[in-house]
Amino acid sequence: MRGLTQRIEVTLETLLESVDLAEDITLRVASAAGFDEEQGYRIGMSVREAVINAYTYGNLQDRRRRIFVVFELLPAHMVIHVRDQGAGFRLQDVPDPLAEENLLKTSGRGLFLIRAFMDELNVTIPQSGGAEVIMTKRYPASSSASRSGGSTEA
């Protein structure tokens, strides 16, 4: 790729089936970007969790609303945006799933998993509304060298 940026945009319906579709697309993009199977799985799970949150909490399962997923393949890392059309939220307002009072709750671990699997996690509230979850993952060392045109040979 030699430093070129690629952008892939996907618009999903607010359907439960869209969760699997988003994960499948992510696995293909991650593989094409040079991530191994394990890293691809972690990236796919992160997108899956973000889309589940958009479906459940953002769009409130309203089929009239959409979920937008954008993959940006930059020279040193991949950035994934998942945006819903809901009310939005602030990351600092999300309860800590490891706090004693939250340990037995059946929800609230998605953002925790994303933090564990990705290098960076941010949430913004775009002017158009909703919440935008932005996840970043640096390329593996060998893939990064080939992306920038460098060589991995000694």
Protein backbone atom coordinates (compact mmCIF):
# COMPACT_ATOMS: atom_id res chain seq x y z
CA MET A 1 0.00 0.00 0.00
CA ARG A 2 3.01 2.29 0.49
CA GLY A 3 1.37 4.83 2.74
CA LEU A 4 -1.92 5.15 0.88
CA THR A 5 -5.10 5.57 2.89
CA GLN A 6 -8.11 3.45 2.07
CA ARG A 7 -11.61 4.07 3.38
CA ILE A 8 -14.47 1.60 3.41
CA GLU A 9 -17.96 2.77 4.42
CA VAL A 10 -20.82 0.44 5.29
CA THR A 11 -24.39 1.41 6.18
CA LEU A 12 -26.29 -1.22 8.13
CA GLU A 13 -29.95 -1.57 8.96
CA THR A 14 -30.83 -1.71 12.63
CA LEU A 15 -31.36 -5.45 12.59
CA LEU A 16 -29.84 -8.12 14.80
CA GLU A 17 -28.47 -9.79 11.65
CA SER A 18 -26.39 -6.65 11.00
CA VAL A 19 -24.22 -7.55 14.00
CA ASP A 20 -22.97 -10.73 12.29
CA LEU A 21 -22.59 -8.91 8.97
CA ALA A 22 -20.46 -6.17 10.57
CA GLU A 23 -18.23 -8.77 12.21
CA ASP A 24 -17.83 -10.72 8.95
CA ILE A 25 -16.86 -7.57 7.05
CA THR A 26 -14.41 -6.64 9.80
CA LEU A 27 -12.72 -10.04 9.70
CA ARG A 28 -12.18 -9.68 5.94
CA VAL A 29 -10.86 -6.12 6.22
CA ALA A 30 -8.55 -7.04 9.13
CA SER A 31 -7.14 -10.00 7.21
CA ALA A 32 -6.56 -7.90 4.09
CA ALA A 33 -4.84 -5.28 6.27
CA GLY A 34 -2.33 -7.86 7.54
CA PHE A 35 -3.71 -8.85 10.93
CA ASP A 36 -3.37 -12.51 11.89
CA GLU A 37 -6.36 -14.67 12.79
CA GLU A 38 -6.18 -13.94 16.54
CA GLN A 39 -5.89 -10.18 16.10
CA GLY A 40 -8.64 -10.28 13.47
CA TYR A 41 -10.87 -12.10 15.96
CA ARG A 42 -10.24 -9.41 18.59
CA ILE A 43 -10.92 -6.60 16.13
CA GLY A 44 -14.05 -8.40 14.90
CA MET A 45 -15.29 -8.86 18.48
CA SER A 46 -14.70 -5.16 19.16
CA VAL A 47 -16.77 -4.12 16.15
CA ARG A 48 -19.41 -6.69 17.09
CA GLU A 49 -19.71 -5.15 20.56
CA ALA A 50 -19.88 -1.61 19.18
CA VAL A 51 -22.60 -2.58 16.68
CA ILE A 52 -24.57 -4.42 19.38
CA ASN A 53 -24.44 -1.26 21.49
CA ALA A 54 -25.54 0.86 18.51
CA TYR A 55 -28.40 -1.56 17.81
CA THR A 56 -29.55 -1.87 21.44
CA TYR A 57 -28.76 1.39 23.23
CA GLY A 58 -28.20 3.89 20.43
CA ASN A 59 -30.89 3.10 17.89
CA LEU A 60 -33.15 1.34 20.41
CA GLN A 61 -33.77 -1.41 17.82
CA ASP A 62 -35.61 1.12 15.63
CA ARG A 63 -35.44 -0.18 12.04
CA ARG A 64 -35.85 3.35 10.66
CA ARG A 65 -32.42 4.23 12.04
CA ARG A 66 -29.08 3.18 10.55
CA ILE A 67 -25.71 2.05 11.87
CA PHE A 68 -22.69 3.43 10.03
CA VAL A 69 -19.35 1.60 10.06
CA VAL A 70 -16.23 3.14 8.53
CA PHE A 71 -12.85 1.45 8.19
CA GLU A 72 -9.86 3.72 7.61
CA LEU A 73 -6.69 1.90 6.62
CA LEU A 74 -3.94 4.40 7.36
CA PRO A 75 -0.17 3.85 6.96
CA ALA A 76 0.49 2.86 10.60
CA HIS A 77 -2.91 1.75 11.92
CA MET A 78 -6.54 0.96 11.19
CA VAL A 79 -9.29 3.17 12.60
CA ILE A 80 -12.85 1.89 12.81
CA HIS A 81 -15.84 4.16 13.43
CA VAL A 82 -19.25 2.82 14.48
CA ARG A 83 -21.96 5.48 14.60
CA ASP A 84 -25.62 5.19 15.53
CA GLN A 85 -28.53 7.63 15.30
CA GLY A 86 -29.46 7.65 18.98
CA ALA A 87 -29.09 10.12 21.83
CA GLY A 88 -25.35 9.58 22.33
CA PHE A 89 -23.40 8.96 25.51
CA ARG A 90 -20.21 9.97 27.25
CA LEU A 91 -17.59 7.27 27.85
CA GLN A 92 -16.92 8.53 31.37
CA ASP A 93 -20.59 7.99 32.27
CA VAL A 94 -20.50 4.25 31.52
CA PRO A 95 -20.34 2.21 34.76
CA ASP A 96 -17.18 0.18 35.43
CA PRO A 97 -18.11 -3.50 34.82
CA LEU A 98 -15.45 -4.58 37.32
CA ALA A 99 -16.97 -2.58 40.17
CA GLU A 100 -18.46 -4.88 42.79
CA GLU A 101 -22.01 -3.60 42.25
CA ASN A 102 -21.77 -4.38 38.51
CA LEU A 103 -20.14 -7.80 38.56
CA LEU A 104 -23.38 -9.76 38.31
CA LYS A 105 -25.04 -7.53 35.70
CA THR A 106 -25.68 -9.19 32.35
CA SER A 107 -24.71 -6.14 30.29
CA GLY A 108 -22.08 -3.44 30.34
CA ARG A 109 -18.98 -5.33 29.25
CA GLY A 110 -18.83 -4.36 25.56
CA LEU A 111 -16.77 -1.21 25.98
CA PHE A 112 -14.56 -3.04 28.48
CA LEU A 113 -13.80 -5.68 25.82
CA ILE A 114 -13.14 -3.04 23.17
CA ARG A 115 -10.64 -1.33 25.51
CA ALA A 116 -8.91 -4.68 26.10
CA PHE A 117 -8.71 -5.66 22.41
CA MET A 118 -7.96 -2.34 20.70
CA ASP A 119 -5.09 0.13 21.14
CA GLU A 120 -7.35 3.18 21.51
CA LEU A 121 -11.03 3.81 22.21
CA ASN A 122 -12.84 7.12 22.00
CA VAL A 123 -16.50 8.10 21.90
CA THR A 124 -17.73 11.31 20.33
CA ILE A 125 -21.15 12.83 19.77
CA PRO A 126 -21.17 14.09 16.18
CA GLN A 127 -23.08 17.23 15.21
CA SER A 128 -25.51 14.98 13.35
CA GLY A 129 -26.32 13.26 16.67
CA GLY A 130 -25.88 9.73 17.93
CA ALA A 131 -22.74 8.23 19.36
CA GLU A 132 -19.59 7.47 17.40
CA VAL A 133 -17.31 4.79 18.81
CA ILE A 134 -13.81 5.19 17.38
CA MET A 135 -11.39 2.28 17.74
CA THR A 136 -7.76 2.19 16.65
CA LYS A 137 -5.48 -0.79 16.13
CA ARG A 138 -1.82 -0.53 15.10
CA TYR A 139 -0.69 -2.92 12.40
CA PRO A 140 1.55 -5.84 13.36
CA ALA A 141 5.25 -4.97 12.94
CA SER A 142 5.74 -7.08 9.80
CA SER A 143 2.61 -5.67 8.15
CA SER A 144 3.57 -2.11 9.06
CA ALA A 145 6.93 -2.43 7.32
CA SER A 146 5.33 -3.71 4.14
CA ARG A 147 2.68 -0.96 4.22
CA SER A 148 5.29 1.77 4.38
CA GLY A 149 7.36 0.21 1.63
CA GLY A 150 10.06 -0.92 4.04
CA SER A 151 11.67 -4.31 4.13
CA THR A 152 11.57 -6.87 6.89
CA GLU A 153 14.71 -8.60 5.67
CA ALA A 154 17.99 -8.28 7.57
